[in-house]
Structure formats: C-alpha cells, structure tokens
Amino acid sequence: MGYRYFVYILANRRNGTLYVGVTNDLARRMAEHKGGFVPGFTERYGIDKLVYVEEYGSILEARARERAGRGRLRSSRSSIRNGVTFRTRLPEARCG
C-alpha cells in the first residue's frame, strides 16, 4: 500500500487570503485549520475553506508542487480566484 500526500489551497473568503500546504492526512489537517488548533498564519487570517487539492504518491513530488504553488501564488492569485485551477496555472513540478 502506497502513501498519499496532498497539496491543498485554502482561502478565508472569496477573493481573500490564500494558503498553500501539504499533508498526508487531509481530513485531519482540515479539522486542525477549521478548529484553529495550530497557531500561525491560517489561524490569524481565518483561512479554513478548501478551494483546491492535488494528490501525490511521493512526499518529494508533493513538496516540490507546494513550493511551486507558493512561488507562483502571488502572480496568479487573481486567476485562482477567478476559477482557473492550480494545475492549469503552474508548470509540472520536477523532482531530481
């Protein structure tokens, strides 16, 4: 049985603040965000709405995708908000 890793994008509201994260247990992580159990950026800005998720079989692939997402998030923020998916806006992550 292989592992599953998820890269996800959260928002606090429509056209609001975005957050990109990675986890191996999406349900648990969403409960943590919704409950404000982990202090930091998402708790401070009330970011708890899941807007996109991708699944990977390798933590290296997921982390590379997360970094690519964070790097391009600022420049493509309006496209993400307007319904263009994360995958269509970012080039494929490469692990070497």
Protein backbone atom coordinates (compact mmCIF):
# COMPACT_ATOMS: atom_id res chain seq x y z
CA MET A 1 0.00 0.00 0.00
CA GLY A 2 1.44 3.34 -1.05
CA TYR A 3 1.33 6.58 0.83
CA ARG A 4 -0.81 9.51 -0.26
CA TYR A 5 0.20 13.14 0.08
CA PHE A 6 -1.98 16.14 -0.65
CA VAL A 7 -1.12 19.66 -1.78
CA TYR A 8 -4.02 21.95 -0.98
CA ILE A 9 -5.07 25.57 -1.29
CA LEU A 10 -7.17 27.27 1.38
CA ALA A 11 -8.85 30.67 1.39
CA ASN A 12 -10.53 32.75 4.04
CA ARG A 13 -13.23 34.11 1.71
CA ARG A 14 -13.89 34.82 -1.95
CA ASN A 15 -11.05 36.99 -3.31
CA GLY A 16 -9.36 36.76 0.09
CA THR A 17 -6.08 35.49 1.50
CA LEU A 18 -4.74 32.18 0.13
CA TYR A 19 -2.57 29.48 1.73
CA VAL A 20 -0.79 26.50 0.14
CA GLY A 21 0.03 23.48 2.29
CA VAL A 22 0.95 19.79 2.14
CA THR A 23 -0.22 16.90 4.33
CA ASN A 24 -0.58 13.12 4.39
CA ASP A 25 -4.00 13.27 6.12
CA LEU A 26 -6.26 15.85 4.52
CA ALA A 27 -9.27 15.25 6.81
CA ARG A 28 -7.18 15.71 9.97
CA ARG A 29 -5.43 18.78 8.60
CA MET A 30 -8.71 20.41 7.57
CA ALA A 31 -10.10 19.77 11.08
CA GLU A 32 -7.00 21.49 12.50
CA HIS A 33 -7.50 24.51 10.23
CA LYS A 34 -11.26 24.72 10.91
CA GLY A 35 -10.76 24.40 14.67
CA GLY A 36 -7.86 26.87 14.82
CA PHE A 37 -5.79 24.29 16.71
CA VAL A 38 -2.46 25.29 15.14
CA PRO A 39 -1.34 28.86 15.83
CA GLY A 40 0.06 30.79 12.90
CA PHE A 41 -0.86 32.27 9.55
CA THR A 42 -4.09 30.35 8.88
CA GLU A 43 -5.45 30.95 12.37
CA ARG A 44 -4.53 34.65 12.30
CA TYR A 45 -6.32 35.26 8.98
CA GLY A 46 -9.18 32.76 9.46
CA ILE A 47 -8.14 30.68 6.46
CA ASP A 48 -10.17 27.47 6.54
CA LYS A 49 -12.01 27.00 3.22
CA LEU A 50 -10.61 24.30 0.94
CA VAL A 51 -10.56 25.57 -2.65
CA TYR A 52 -8.28 23.03 -4.38
CA VAL A 53 -6.42 19.77 -3.72
CA GLU A 54 -3.99 17.53 -5.64
CA GLU A 55 -2.87 14.05 -4.61
CA TYR A 56 0.67 12.62 -4.96
CA GLY A 57 2.28 9.28 -4.17
CA SER A 58 5.58 10.81 -3.07
CA ILE A 59 6.31 13.44 -0.43
CA LEU A 60 9.10 14.78 -2.67
CA GLU A 61 6.63 15.42 -5.50
CA ALA A 62 4.12 16.98 -3.12
CA ARG A 63 6.70 19.29 -1.50
CA ALA A 64 8.03 20.35 -4.92
CA ARG A 65 4.48 21.17 -6.01
CA GLU A 66 3.83 23.07 -2.78
CA ARG A 67 6.95 25.19 -3.33
CA ALA A 68 5.96 25.83 -6.95
CA GLY A 69 2.50 26.85 -5.76
CA ARG A 70 3.82 29.26 -3.18
CA GLY A 71 6.22 30.78 -5.68
CA ARG A 72 3.55 31.41 -8.27
CA LEU A 73 0.68 32.12 -5.90
CA ARG A 74 1.21 35.86 -5.75
CA SER A 75 1.43 36.28 -9.52
CA SER A 76 -1.53 34.01 -10.33
CA ARG A 77 -3.76 34.93 -7.37
CA SER A 78 -6.45 36.59 -9.50
CA SER A 79 -6.56 33.62 -11.88
CA ILE A 80 -7.04 31.19 -8.99
CA ARG A 81 -9.80 33.36 -7.59
CA ASN A 82 -11.49 33.51 -10.98
CA GLY A 83 -11.77 29.73 -11.23
CA VAL A 84 -8.61 28.73 -13.11
CA THR A 85 -7.32 25.64 -11.38
CA PHE A 86 -3.99 25.33 -9.62
CA ARG A 87 -2.85 22.65 -12.08
CA THR A 88 -3.54 24.76 -15.18
CA ARG A 89 -1.64 27.76 -13.78
CA LEU A 90 1.52 26.01 -12.59
CA PRO A 91 4.10 24.09 -14.60
CA GLU A 92 4.61 20.46 -13.61
CA ALA A 93 6.94 20.10 -10.65
CA ARG A 94 10.09 18.12 -11.31
CA CYS A 95 12.00 16.15 -8.71
CA GLY A 96 15.57 15.33 -9.47
